[in-house]
Amino acid sequence: MTKTLRTLAAALFVGGTFLSACSGTNQGVQQADLVVYNGTVYTVNDSFGKAEAFAVKDGRVLEVGTTTGIRRKYAAAAELDAEGKAIYPGLIDAHAHFYRYGLGLQSADLVGTASFAEVVQKLVAQREKYPDADWLTGRGWDQNDWVVKEFPSKDTLDQLFPNIPVVITRIDGHAALANQKALDLAGITPQTKMVGGLVEVKNGRVTGILIDNAVDLVTSKIPEADEAEKRQALKLAEANCFAVGLTTVADAGLDKSTVDLIDAMQQQGELQMRIYAMLNPTQENTDHFFKRGLYKTERLNVRSFKVYADGALGSRGANLLEPYHDQAGHYGFLLASEQEFRDIARLLYEHGFQMNTHAIGDSANRLLLDIYGSVLGGQNDKRWRIEHAQIVHPDDLDKFGKYSIIPSVQPTHATSDMYWAGDRLGEERLSHAYPFKELLDQNGYIPLGSDFPVEDINPFYTFHAAVARQDAKNYPEGGFQMENALSREEALRGMTIWAAKSNFEENEKGSIEAGKFADFIIVDKDLMHIAPSEMRSVQVLYTYINGKQVYRKR
């Protein structure tokens, strides 16, 4: 080797590694904050390409490539050897109740109870744990999981808790059971009537069962949490989300005060979670945000309103075109008048806000699709959404594509409901319920969520339900209505880039690409290759937001 070549070689040899003469500026190693290498990186870019490594600086991805290429080009204060593990973009839950979930962590957890007797046992334990509480609350019961699949009555609660108001909400949040003390505080009698709700009465007596808008009559009497309790709720929810790989959540239904608190906590560095806020269509929210307009920071995005068209299928509140198969003459109900839906749609369109409407029954879906179509006029980029879209008449499917309406679905709803949905719908309607693949085909993308705490917070349950169409018991063998299963690639896109797109955020998150936020997770097993029966057991090893570690499995 000549002296000139030896000099050149020495200049290119840094830290035991040769630098590529054609890389970057060709002036030496570039500085990064973090280099992640030796991984199986699913970039979820347009080609669904894979890589081995990437560099991060100032919270964003600098470059994605091979381990050799990235480590040769970048020096970083921190390096992370992924040891061959799968790396995905930070997961996004396209429809959840983040704040409500956090508050609910401080109530009795009734999820998975096998009988009303078990519900009562948990309420007694909750009262013993918090004897000075002004209210006794709980959530998560589902009578469809009990041997006796009927709504309970308040009698036992009246006997055990005569002096404290009690209200416990069903798993879907669209029904509740209240004791007499709570009913008295709300002024509920057998004569109480309302639009979009029901107070159940039998033999002239209120049973304590409240459906949809009737639930609000009682829950509105519960004292609002103070600021310290709200902050604690948000932090608890965030910690649990990070542990399962969620870095963004779409919170479906928030008020101005909560949005302001989230914004303040994010600005103060107390809350790292990215939140896509869907506002409740209250007078306070519309007055403020119509005047203020869209609001966007790196962690908070406020540009949509959440509207409820109907109730839930499990409590027979979903609005159907034909009567319930298991309740003659009952169609469910809309939660507001058709004109009210038309008015809010027009207002949101005029003020540039996205409209996201809860619609479960085929009648509710048809009405809202037609209202959306009359306002939107044809294909567009307004990205208005139908949340849940569980039962859609085949004649209405093409309206999603015709008007560029996004179906925002929750795969675990299908696998939770499959045991009893046929009772509600009958065989024919069940055959075109939860049509995720058909909905995906309308616009070429579909965002996926969980609706937690209605379903479990774990996004790997979402993935498994979408791909295998099975529940935690891997039931049924072969999957439930597999013609509407999603591929593994589609499911991962639905939980990352497609969810980001439904939030107008695909240019900043949802994939591991240069220029985007360095939000990513490392897991112990690769969802793209493991058996479906293993998907729910996947564990998150690391969660990063903006290139900063926010969770590490211990």
Protein backbone atom coordinates (compact mmCIF):
# COMPACT_ATOMS: atom_id res chain seq x y z
CA MET A 1 0.00 0.00 0.00
CA THR A 2 1.38 3.44 -0.93
CA LYS A 3 1.78 6.21 1.63
CA THR A 4 -1.17 8.08 0.06
CA LEU A 5 -3.47 5.05 0.32
CA ARG A 6 -2.38 4.39 3.91
CA THR A 7 -3.24 8.00 4.84
CA LEU A 8 -6.66 7.73 3.20
CA ALA A 9 -7.37 4.42 4.94
CA ALA A 10 -6.46 5.90 8.32
CA ALA A 11 -8.79 8.83 7.73
CA LEU A 12 -11.69 6.46 6.98
CA PHE A 13 -11.03 4.17 9.94
CA VAL A 14 -12.87 5.46 13.02
CA GLY A 15 -13.50 3.57 16.23
CA GLY A 16 -12.59 0.23 14.71
CA THR A 17 -15.07 0.59 11.85
CA PHE A 18 -14.47 1.73 8.29
CA LEU A 19 -16.71 4.58 7.15
CA SER A 20 -18.32 4.33 3.77
CA ALA A 21 -16.60 6.69 1.35
CA CYS A 22 -19.95 7.30 -0.37
CA SER A 23 -22.12 7.67 2.73
CA GLY A 24 -23.72 10.90 3.89
CA THR A 25 -21.46 13.92 3.71
CA ASN A 26 -18.36 11.77 3.29
CA GLN A 27 -16.75 14.01 5.91
CA GLY A 28 -16.88 11.55 8.81
CA VAL A 29 -19.26 10.13 11.34
CA GLN A 30 -22.52 12.02 11.86
CA GLN A 31 -23.88 12.57 15.36
CA ALA A 32 -27.13 10.95 16.46
CA ASP A 33 -28.85 10.68 19.82
CA LEU A 34 -29.67 6.98 19.49
CA VAL A 35 -28.74 4.11 17.19
CA VAL A 36 -30.85 0.96 17.25
CA TYR A 37 -29.22 -1.97 15.48
CA ASN A 38 -29.28 -5.73 14.96
CA GLY A 39 -33.07 -5.80 14.80
CA THR A 40 -35.80 -7.07 12.52
CA VAL A 41 -37.28 -3.69 11.75
CA TYR A 42 -40.74 -3.62 10.17
CA THR A 43 -40.75 -0.12 8.76
CA VAL A 44 -44.40 -0.31 7.62
CA ASN A 45 -43.50 1.97 4.74
CA ASP A 46 -45.34 1.84 1.42
CA SER A 47 -43.58 -1.39 0.42
CA PHE A 48 -43.72 -2.87 3.92
CA GLY A 49 -39.96 -3.09 3.78
CA LYS A 50 -37.71 -4.55 6.47
CA ALA A 51 -34.43 -3.17 7.80
CA GLU A 52 -31.90 -3.91 10.53
CA ALA A 53 -31.13 -0.56 12.09
CA PHE A 54 -31.97 3.13 12.31
CA ALA A 55 -30.58 6.32 13.79
CA VAL A 56 -32.49 8.94 15.79
CA LYS A 57 -31.80 12.61 16.47
CA ASP A 58 -33.98 15.27 18.10
CA GLY A 59 -36.83 12.82 18.49
CA ARG A 60 -37.04 11.84 14.82
CA VAL A 61 -35.68 9.07 12.66
CA LEU A 62 -32.60 10.15 10.71
CA GLU A 63 -32.11 7.11 8.52
CA VAL A 64 -33.07 3.46 8.26
CA GLY A 65 -30.76 0.78 6.88
CA THR A 66 -28.46 -2.09 7.68
CA THR A 67 -26.65 -2.52 10.96
CA THR A 68 -23.29 -2.08 9.25
CA GLY A 69 -24.36 0.96 7.28
CA ILE A 70 -26.06 2.80 10.14
CA ARG A 71 -23.30 2.15 12.70
CA ARG A 72 -20.67 3.15 10.20
CA LYS A 73 -22.38 6.43 9.41
CA TYR A 74 -23.65 7.51 12.85
CA ALA A 75 -22.19 7.81 16.33
CA ALA A 76 -24.64 8.15 19.20
CA ALA A 77 -24.54 8.74 22.92
CA ALA A 78 -26.88 5.75 23.28
CA GLU A 79 -26.96 2.51 21.30
CA LEU A 80 -29.46 -0.32 21.59
CA ASP A 81 -28.70 -3.83 20.41
CA ALA A 82 -32.08 -5.35 19.55
CA GLU A 83 -30.54 -8.84 19.48
CA GLY A 84 -32.53 -9.80 16.40
CA LYS A 85 -35.92 -9.01 17.96
CA ALA A 86 -38.85 -7.63 15.99
CA ILE A 87 -39.22 -3.85 16.00
CA TYR A 88 -42.50 -2.17 15.01
CA PRO A 89 -43.61 1.45 14.83
CA GLY A 90 -45.25 2.58 18.06
CA LEU A 91 -48.72 1.08 18.09
CA ILE A 92 -51.76 3.35 17.72
CA ASP A 93 -55.17 2.57 19.17
CA ALA A 94 -57.59 4.23 16.76
CA HIS A 95 -60.52 4.17 19.18
CA ALA A 96 -60.20 4.03 22.95
CA HIS A 97 -61.31 5.81 26.10
CA PHE A 98 -57.93 6.62 27.61
CA TYR A 99 -59.05 9.11 30.25
CA ARG A 100 -62.13 7.12 31.22
CA TYR A 101 -59.98 4.00 31.49
CA GLY A 102 -57.64 5.81 33.89
CA LEU A 103 -60.54 6.92 36.07
CA GLY A 104 -61.99 3.43 35.97
CA LEU A 105 -58.82 1.97 37.47
CA GLN A 106 -60.05 3.48 40.72
CA SER A 107 -63.45 1.69 40.56
CA ALA A 108 -64.39 -1.95 41.09
CA ASP A 109 -63.20 -4.07 38.18
CA LEU A 110 -66.10 -6.31 37.16
CA VAL A 111 -64.65 -7.57 33.87
CA GLY A 112 -64.84 -11.35 33.54
CA THR A 113 -67.31 -11.89 36.37
CA ALA A 114 -69.13 -15.20 35.89
CA SER A 115 -72.30 -14.30 37.79
CA PHE A 116 -74.10 -11.45 39.47
CA ALA A 117 -73.13 -13.01 42.80
CA GLU A 118 -69.47 -12.51 41.88
CA VAL A 119 -70.24 -8.89 40.97
CA VAL A 120 -71.72 -8.37 44.42
CA GLN A 121 -68.67 -9.94 46.08
CA LYS A 122 -66.38 -7.51 44.27
CA LEU A 123 -68.55 -4.55 45.26
CA VAL A 124 -68.45 -5.60 48.92
CA ALA A 125 -64.65 -5.84 48.71
CA GLN A 126 -64.46 -2.43 47.04
CA ARG A 127 -66.57 -0.86 49.79
CA GLU A 128 -64.37 -2.41 52.46
CA LYS A 129 -61.29 -1.03 50.71
CA TYR A 130 -62.74 2.49 50.37
CA PRO A 131 -65.21 2.84 53.27
CA ASP A 132 -65.29 6.65 53.13
CA ALA A 133 -66.09 7.00 49.42
CA ASP A 134 -69.25 8.96 48.62
CA TRP A 135 -70.22 6.61 45.76
CA LEU A 136 -69.66 2.93 45.02
CA THR A 137 -68.92 2.42 41.34
CA GLY A 138 -67.75 -0.39 39.12
CA ARG A 139 -67.64 -1.35 35.47
CA GLY A 140 -67.23 -4.30 33.15
CA TRP A 141 -70.03 -6.78 33.93
CA ASP A 142 -71.65 -8.62 31.03
CA GLN A 143 -74.77 -10.69 31.60
CA ASN A 144 -74.06 -12.59 28.38
CA ASP A 145 -71.15 -14.28 30.20
CA TRP A 146 -73.40 -15.57 33.00
CA VAL A 147 -75.36 -18.81 33.19
CA VAL A 148 -78.50 -16.71 33.60
CA LYS A 149 -78.14 -14.29 30.70
CA GLU A 150 -80.63 -11.74 31.96
CA PHE A 151 -80.14 -8.24 33.32
CA PRO A 152 -79.90 -8.25 37.13
CA SER A 153 -82.09 -6.11 39.38
CA LYS A 154 -81.17 -3.64 42.09
CA ASP A 155 -82.72 -5.59 45.00
CA THR A 156 -79.49 -7.06 46.35
CA LEU A 157 -77.71 -3.71 46.05
CA ASP A 158 -80.55 -2.02 47.95
CA GLN A 159 -80.20 -4.52 50.80
CA LEU A 160 -76.40 -4.38 51.05
CA PHE A 161 -75.87 -0.68 50.32
CA PRO A 162 -78.95 1.26 51.45
CA ASN A 163 -77.06 4.41 52.41
CA ILE A 164 -74.57 4.87 49.57
CA PRO A 165 -75.43 5.41 45.90
CA VAL A 166 -74.23 2.54 43.71
CA VAL A 167 -73.94 2.44 39.93
CA ILE A 168 -72.15 -0.25 37.94
CA THR A 169 -71.83 0.02 34.17
CA ARG A 170 -71.97 -2.84 31.71
CA ILE A 171 -68.86 -3.72 29.71
CA ASP A 172 -69.97 -1.64 26.70
CA GLY A 173 -70.80 1.45 28.79
CA HIS A 174 -74.28 1.56 27.25
CA ALA A 175 -76.14 0.02 30.19
CA ALA A 176 -75.87 0.26 33.95
CA LEU A 177 -77.41 -1.02 37.15
CA ALA A 178 -78.13 1.52 39.91
CA ASN A 179 -79.46 1.05 43.41
CA GLN A 180 -82.41 2.95 44.82
CA LYS A 181 -80.21 5.54 46.53
CA ALA A 182 -78.64 6.47 43.18
CA LEU A 183 -82.02 6.47 41.41
CA ASP A 184 -83.45 8.81 44.05
CA LEU A 185 -80.54 11.23 43.62
CA ALA A 186 -81.21 11.25 39.88
CA GLY A 187 -84.97 11.68 40.31
CA ILE A 188 -85.73 8.51 38.36
CA THR A 189 -89.22 7.00 38.73
CA PRO A 190 -91.26 4.47 36.74
CA GLN A 191 -92.62 7.42 34.76
CA THR A 192 -89.19 8.68 33.61
CA LYS A 193 -88.97 8.81 29.79
CA MET A 194 -86.36 10.18 27.40
CA VAL A 195 -85.18 10.11 23.79
CA GLY A 196 -82.50 7.51 23.11
CA GLY A 197 -82.68 5.80 26.47
CA LEU A 198 -84.70 3.48 28.66
CA VAL A 199 -85.46 3.08 32.35
CA GLU A 200 -86.45 -0.56 32.74
CA VAL A 201 -89.73 -1.03 34.59
CA LYS A 202 -91.29 -4.37 35.58
CA ASN A 203 -94.55 -4.79 37.46
CA GLY A 204 -94.68 -1.04 37.96
CA ARG A 205 -91.26 -0.92 39.67
CA VAL A 206 -87.93 0.40 38.44
CA THR A 207 -85.51 -2.55 38.24
CA GLY A 208 -82.37 -0.39 38.35
CA ILE A 209 -81.40 -1.20 34.76
CA LEU A 210 -80.68 1.91 32.68
CA ILE A 211 -79.98 1.88 28.95
CA ASP A 212 -77.96 4.49 27.00
CA ASN A 213 -79.13 8.07 27.72
CA ALA A 214 -80.77 6.90 30.95
CA VAL A 215 -77.33 5.99 32.32
CA ASP A 216 -76.32 9.67 32.18
CA LEU A 217 -79.15 10.62 34.53
CA VAL A 218 -77.32 8.80 37.32
CA THR A 219 -73.66 9.16 36.36
CA SER A 220 -74.09 12.93 36.02
CA LYS A 221 -74.71 13.00 39.79
CA ILE A 222 -71.32 11.46 40.63
CA PRO A 223 -69.01 14.21 41.90
CA GLU A 224 -66.34 15.11 39.37
CA ALA A 225 -62.84 13.95 40.20
CA ASP A 226 -60.56 16.70 41.46
CA GLU A 227 -57.48 17.74 39.50
CA ALA A 228 -55.13 15.51 41.47
CA GLU A 229 -57.34 12.49 40.78
CA LYS A 230 -57.53 13.38 37.09
CA ARG A 231 -53.77 13.71 36.80
CA GLN A 232 -53.30 10.39 38.56
CA ALA A 233 -55.82 8.74 36.22
CA LEU A 234 -53.99 9.98 33.13
CA LYS A 235 -50.63 8.82 34.44
CA LEU A 236 -51.95 5.37 35.37
CA ALA A 237 -53.50 4.99 31.92
CA GLU A 238 -50.28 6.09 30.24
CA ALA A 239 -48.12 3.62 32.17
CA ASN A 240 -50.39 0.72 31.25
CA CYS A 241 -50.45 1.79 27.60
CA PHE A 242 -46.67 2.00 27.36
CA ALA A 243 -46.37 -1.49 28.85
CA VAL A 244 -48.35 -2.94 25.92
CA GLY A 245 -46.66 -0.87 23.21
CA LEU A 246 -49.19 1.92 22.65
CA THR A 247 -47.62 5.30 21.87
CA THR A 248 -50.72 7.07 20.49
CA VAL A 249 -54.35 6.71 21.45
CA ALA A 250 -57.46 8.24 19.94
CA ASP A 251 -59.56 9.19 22.97
CA ALA A 252 -63.18 9.03 21.89
CA GLY A 253 -65.16 11.65 23.79
CA LEU A 254 -63.46 14.38 25.80
CA ASP A 255 -64.51 17.71 27.24
CA LYS A 256 -62.59 20.97 27.06
CA SER A 257 -61.43 20.78 30.68
CA THR A 258 -59.86 17.36 30.14
CA VAL A 259 -58.25 18.42 26.86
CA ASP A 260 -56.79 21.47 28.60
CA LEU A 261 -55.39 19.30 31.41
CA ILE A 262 -53.86 16.84 28.94
CA ASP A 263 -52.28 19.71 27.02
CA ALA A 264 -50.86 21.26 30.20
CA MET A 265 -49.44 17.97 31.42
CA GLN A 266 -47.84 17.29 28.05
CA GLN A 267 -46.34 20.77 27.90
CA GLN A 268 -44.99 20.33 31.43
CA GLY A 269 -43.43 16.98 30.57
CA GLU A 270 -45.72 15.06 32.93
CA LEU A 271 -47.51 13.16 30.17
CA GLN A 272 -45.66 11.64 27.20
CA MET A 273 -48.52 9.80 25.50
CA ARG A 274 -49.64 11.19 22.14
CA ILE A 275 -53.40 11.73 22.07
CA TYR A 276 -55.83 12.25 19.23
CA ALA A 277 -58.72 13.92 21.02
CA MET A 278 -62.30 13.43 19.84
CA LEU A 279 -64.47 16.07 21.49
CA ASN A 280 -67.93 15.51 22.90
CA PRO A 281 -70.43 17.65 20.95
CA THR A 282 -71.42 19.72 23.99
CA GLN A 283 -72.33 23.38 23.79
CA GLU A 284 -69.16 24.32 25.67
CA ASN A 285 -66.96 22.33 23.30
CA THR A 286 -68.57 23.63 20.12
CA ASP A 287 -68.59 27.24 21.34
CA HIS A 288 -64.90 27.10 22.22
CA PHE A 289 -63.42 24.99 19.45
CA PHE A 290 -65.49 26.38 16.58
CA LYS A 291 -64.06 29.76 17.52
CA ARG A 292 -60.55 28.51 18.23
CA GLY A 293 -60.34 26.07 15.32
CA LEU A 294 -58.14 23.00 15.01
CA TYR A 295 -55.42 22.65 17.63
CA LYS A 296 -52.22 20.66 17.09
CA THR A 297 -49.01 20.05 19.00
CA GLU A 298 -46.53 17.18 18.63
CA ARG A 299 -48.44 15.21 21.28
CA LEU A 300 -52.02 16.48 21.05
CA ASN A 301 -54.32 16.73 18.04
CA VAL A 302 -57.78 18.27 18.42
CA ARG A 303 -59.71 18.29 15.17
CA SER A 304 -62.66 15.92 15.57
CA PHE A 305 -65.94 15.40 17.40
CA LYS A 306 -67.34 12.09 18.63
CA VAL A 307 -71.09 11.64 18.07
CA TYR A 308 -73.25 8.71 19.23
CA ALA A 309 -75.85 7.46 16.76
CA ASP A 310 -77.11 4.43 18.68
CA GLY A 311 -76.35 2.12 21.59
CA ALA A 312 -74.72 -1.31 21.80
CA LEU A 313 -75.80 -4.70 20.52
CA GLY A 314 -75.27 -6.49 23.83
CA SER A 315 -77.76 -4.26 25.65
CA ARG A 316 -80.11 -4.20 22.63
CA GLY A 317 -79.60 -0.50 22.08
CA ALA A 318 -78.05 -0.79 18.61
CA ASN A 319 -80.52 0.55 16.04
CA LEU A 320 -81.53 -2.19 13.57
CA LEU A 321 -83.45 -2.16 10.30
CA GLU A 322 -85.44 -5.22 11.38
CA PRO A 323 -86.44 -6.22 14.93
CA TYR A 324 -84.08 -8.02 17.27
CA HIS A 325 -84.16 -11.75 16.68
CA ASP A 326 -84.52 -12.33 20.44
CA GLN A 327 -86.94 -9.49 21.26
CA ALA A 328 -89.94 -9.20 18.98
CA GLY A 329 -90.89 -5.69 17.93
CA HIS A 330 -87.75 -4.10 19.39
CA TYR A 331 -85.44 -2.23 16.98
CA GLY A 332 -83.11 -0.50 19.44
CA PHE A 333 -83.03 3.26 19.12
CA LEU A 334 -81.21 6.33 17.90
CA LEU A 335 -79.75 8.53 20.62
CA ALA A 336 -80.89 11.75 18.94
CA SER A 337 -83.24 12.77 16.15
CA GLU A 338 -82.28 12.47 12.50
CA GLN A 339 -82.39 16.26 12.19
CA GLU A 340 -79.95 16.67 15.07
CA PHE A 341 -77.47 14.39 13.30
CA ARG A 342 -77.88 16.38 10.09
CA ASP A 343 -77.37 19.66 11.94
CA ILE A 344 -74.17 18.61 13.70
CA ALA A 345 -72.79 17.14 10.47
CA ARG A 346 -73.32 20.41 8.65
CA LEU A 347 -71.79 22.43 11.50
CA LEU A 348 -68.70 20.24 11.69
CA TYR A 349 -68.24 20.42 7.93
CA GLU A 350 -68.54 24.21 7.93
CA HIS A 351 -65.97 24.55 10.72
CA GLY A 352 -63.50 22.06 9.26
CA PHE A 353 -63.78 19.37 11.93
CA GLN A 354 -63.79 15.63 11.38
CA MET A 355 -67.01 13.84 12.33
CA ASN A 356 -66.57 10.45 14.03
CA THR A 357 -69.84 8.70 14.77
CA HIS A 358 -70.52 5.63 16.88
CA ALA A 359 -72.83 3.48 14.75
CA ILE A 360 -73.34 -0.22 15.45
CA GLY A 361 -76.73 -1.26 14.08
CA ASP A 362 -77.42 -1.50 10.35
CA SER A 363 -80.12 1.17 10.58
CA ALA A 364 -77.79 3.61 12.38
CA ASN A 365 -75.03 2.91 9.88
CA ARG A 366 -77.34 3.49 6.93
CA LEU A 367 -78.64 6.78 8.33
CA LEU A 368 -75.20 8.18 9.14
CA LEU A 369 -73.67 7.03 5.87
CA ASP A 370 -76.45 8.82 4.01
CA ILE A 371 -76.09 11.96 6.13
CA TYR A 372 -72.33 11.94 5.60
CA GLY A 373 -72.87 11.48 1.87
CA SER A 374 -75.29 14.40 1.65
CA VAL A 375 -72.73 16.67 3.34
CA LEU A 376 -69.53 15.37 1.75
CA GLY A 377 -71.02 15.05 -1.74
CA GLY A 378 -68.59 12.44 -3.08
CA GLN A 379 -65.00 11.33 -2.69
CA ASN A 380 -62.96 13.71 -0.55
CA ASP A 381 -60.16 13.96 2.01
CA LYS A 382 -62.25 14.99 5.02
CA ARG A 383 -61.70 11.52 6.55
CA TRP A 384 -65.01 11.38 8.36
CA ARG A 385 -65.29 8.15 10.30
CA ILE A 386 -67.87 5.62 11.36
CA GLU A 387 -66.77 4.17 14.69
CA HIS A 388 -67.44 0.42 15.11
CA ALA A 389 -69.45 -0.20 11.89
CA GLN A 390 -70.39 -3.60 13.28
CA ILE A 391 -73.57 -4.40 11.39
CA VAL A 392 -73.66 -2.90 7.91
CA HIS A 393 -76.29 -3.93 5.38
CA PRO A 394 -74.61 -5.22 2.19
CA ASP A 395 -76.44 -2.54 0.19
CA ASP A 396 -74.63 0.15 2.21
CA LEU A 397 -71.04 -1.09 2.07
CA ASP A 398 -70.11 0.81 -1.08
CA LYS A 399 -71.06 4.11 0.57
CA PHE A 400 -67.80 3.97 2.54
CA GLY A 401 -65.86 4.12 -0.71
CA LYS A 402 -68.26 6.40 -2.53
CA TYR A 403 -67.93 9.12 0.11
CA SER A 404 -64.39 8.29 1.37
CA ILE A 405 -65.77 7.40 4.80
CA ILE A 406 -63.35 5.59 7.13
CA PRO A 407 -64.61 2.48 8.96
CA SER A 408 -62.87 2.53 12.36
CA VAL A 409 -63.27 -0.97 13.77
CA GLN A 410 -62.34 -2.99 16.85
CA PRO A 411 -61.60 -6.65 15.99
CA THR A 412 -62.04 -7.91 19.55
CA HIS A 413 -65.67 -6.79 19.45
CA ALA A 414 -66.29 -9.53 16.89
CA THR A 415 -64.67 -12.25 18.99
CA SER A 416 -66.37 -11.06 22.20
CA ASP A 417 -69.79 -10.79 20.60
CA MET A 418 -69.69 -13.99 18.49
CA TYR A 419 -71.10 -16.13 21.33
CA TRP A 420 -74.41 -14.25 21.45
CA ALA A 421 -74.54 -11.93 18.41
CA GLY A 422 -76.51 -14.57 16.50
CA ASP A 423 -79.18 -14.47 19.20
CA ARG A 424 -79.57 -10.74 18.68
CA LEU A 425 -79.35 -10.75 14.88
CA GLY A 426 -80.34 -14.14 13.55
CA GLU A 427 -78.24 -16.16 11.12
CA GLU A 428 -78.71 -14.00 8.01
CA ARG A 429 -77.76 -10.66 9.57
CA LEU A 430 -74.90 -12.26 11.49
CA SER A 431 -73.37 -13.39 8.19
CA HIS A 432 -72.66 -9.77 7.20
CA ALA A 433 -71.75 -8.45 10.62
CA TYR A 434 -68.18 -7.39 11.54
CA PRO A 435 -67.20 -7.28 7.84
CA PHE A 436 -63.65 -5.95 8.32
CA LYS A 437 -62.17 -7.24 5.05
CA GLU A 438 -65.08 -5.93 3.01
CA LEU A 439 -64.75 -2.59 4.75
CA LEU A 440 -61.01 -2.52 4.09
CA ASP A 441 -61.67 -3.01 0.39
CA GLN A 442 -63.76 0.18 0.21
CA ASN A 443 -60.92 2.69 0.63
CA GLY A 444 -57.85 0.46 0.79
CA TYR A 445 -57.18 1.07 4.48
CA ILE A 446 -58.83 0.46 7.81
CA PRO A 447 -57.76 1.75 11.26
CA LEU A 448 -57.95 -0.70 14.15
CA GLY A 449 -58.63 -0.02 17.81
CA SER A 450 -59.75 -1.77 20.96
CA ASP A 451 -62.38 0.53 22.50
CA PHE A 452 -60.69 -0.07 25.85
CA PRO A 453 -61.87 -0.33 28.59
CA VAL A 454 -64.81 -1.94 26.79
CA GLU A 455 -62.26 -4.50 25.57
CA ASP A 456 -58.79 -5.25 26.90
CA ILE A 457 -56.13 -2.57 26.50
CA ASN A 458 -53.64 -5.04 24.95
CA PRO A 459 -53.21 -4.34 21.20
CA PHE A 460 -51.92 -7.85 20.56
CA TYR A 461 -55.43 -9.07 21.33
CA THR A 462 -56.60 -6.75 18.56
CA PHE A 463 -54.01 -8.23 16.19
CA HIS A 464 -54.98 -11.81 17.01
CA ALA A 465 -58.71 -11.13 16.66
CA ALA A 466 -58.17 -9.40 13.32
CA VAL A 467 -56.00 -12.16 11.82
CA ALA A 468 -57.30 -15.36 13.41
CA ARG A 469 -60.84 -14.17 14.27
CA GLN A 470 -60.48 -16.06 17.54
CA ASP A 471 -60.70 -15.09 21.21
CA ALA A 472 -58.30 -15.76 24.09
CA LYS A 473 -59.38 -19.41 24.15
CA ASN A 474 -58.42 -19.71 20.46
CA TYR A 475 -62.10 -20.29 19.79
CA PRO A 476 -63.58 -21.13 17.37
CA GLU A 477 -61.30 -23.58 15.65
CA GLY A 478 -60.69 -22.21 12.18
CA GLY A 479 -61.89 -18.73 13.14
CA PHE A 480 -65.17 -16.80 13.13
CA GLN A 481 -66.37 -15.81 9.62
CA MET A 482 -62.83 -15.98 8.26
CA GLU A 483 -63.82 -14.40 4.95
CA ASN A 484 -63.47 -11.12 6.83
CA ALA A 485 -60.12 -11.84 8.49
CA LEU A 486 -57.21 -9.48 7.78
CA SER A 487 -53.72 -10.54 6.80
CA ARG A 488 -50.88 -9.98 9.24
CA GLU A 489 -49.57 -7.10 7.16
CA GLU A 490 -53.02 -5.50 7.03
CA ALA A 491 -53.47 -5.88 10.78
CA LEU A 492 -50.11 -4.26 11.55
CA ARG A 493 -50.84 -1.43 9.12
CA GLY A 494 -54.23 -1.00 10.78
CA MET A 495 -52.53 -0.52 14.14
CA THR A 496 -49.87 1.86 12.83
CA ILE A 497 -49.87 3.77 9.54
CA TRP A 498 -53.58 3.36 8.76
CA ALA A 499 -54.55 4.45 12.26
CA ALA A 500 -52.23 7.45 11.84
CA LYS A 501 -53.89 8.27 8.52
CA SER A 502 -57.35 8.19 10.07
CA ASN A 503 -56.03 10.87 12.46
CA PHE A 504 -54.40 13.00 9.69
CA GLU A 505 -51.00 12.05 11.14
CA GLU A 506 -49.50 9.68 8.56
CA ASN A 507 -46.73 12.14 7.69
CA GLU A 508 -45.36 12.20 11.23
CA LYS A 509 -45.96 8.72 12.68
CA GLY A 510 -47.16 5.21 11.93
CA SER A 511 -43.98 3.98 10.24
CA ILE A 512 -40.24 3.92 10.89
CA GLU A 513 -39.01 6.27 8.17
CA ALA A 514 -36.66 9.22 7.97
CA GLY A 515 -38.24 12.42 9.27
CA LYS A 516 -40.94 10.75 11.36
CA PHE A 517 -41.20 10.65 15.14
CA ALA A 518 -38.97 7.96 16.61
CA ASP A 519 -41.87 6.08 18.21
CA PHE A 520 -41.20 2.34 18.21
CA ILE A 521 -41.42 -0.85 20.23
CA ILE A 522 -39.32 -3.99 20.52
CA VAL A 523 -41.12 -7.25 21.29
CA ASP A 524 -40.07 -10.74 22.33
CA LYS A 525 -41.83 -12.63 19.51
CA ASP A 526 -42.45 -11.63 15.91
CA LEU A 527 -46.14 -11.26 15.11
CA MET A 528 -45.41 -11.81 11.44
CA HIS A 529 -44.24 -15.39 11.96
CA ILE A 530 -45.48 -16.91 15.21
CA ALA A 531 -48.50 -19.19 15.40
CA PRO A 532 -51.80 -17.37 15.95
CA SER A 533 -52.18 -19.09 19.31
CA GLU A 534 -49.04 -17.26 20.52
CA MET A 535 -50.06 -13.75 19.43
CA ARG A 536 -51.79 -12.74 22.66
CA SER A 537 -48.73 -13.73 24.69
CA VAL A 538 -46.35 -11.33 22.94
CA GLN A 539 -44.52 -9.14 25.44
CA VAL A 540 -43.18 -5.65 24.88
CA LEU A 541 -39.52 -5.37 25.84
CA TYR A 542 -39.08 -1.65 25.12
CA THR A 543 -41.33 1.26 24.23
CA TYR A 544 -39.82 4.49 22.88
CA ILE A 545 -41.41 7.85 22.14
CA ASN A 546 -39.36 10.53 20.40
CA GLY A 547 -36.35 8.26 20.74
CA LYS A 548 -36.71 8.26 24.55
CA GLN A 549 -37.35 5.07 26.48
CA VAL A 550 -40.69 5.26 28.29
CA TYR A 551 -41.00 1.56 29.17
CA ARG A 552 -38.65 -1.38 29.66
CA LYS A 553 -39.79 -4.83 30.73
CA ARG A 554 -38.17 -5.83 34.00
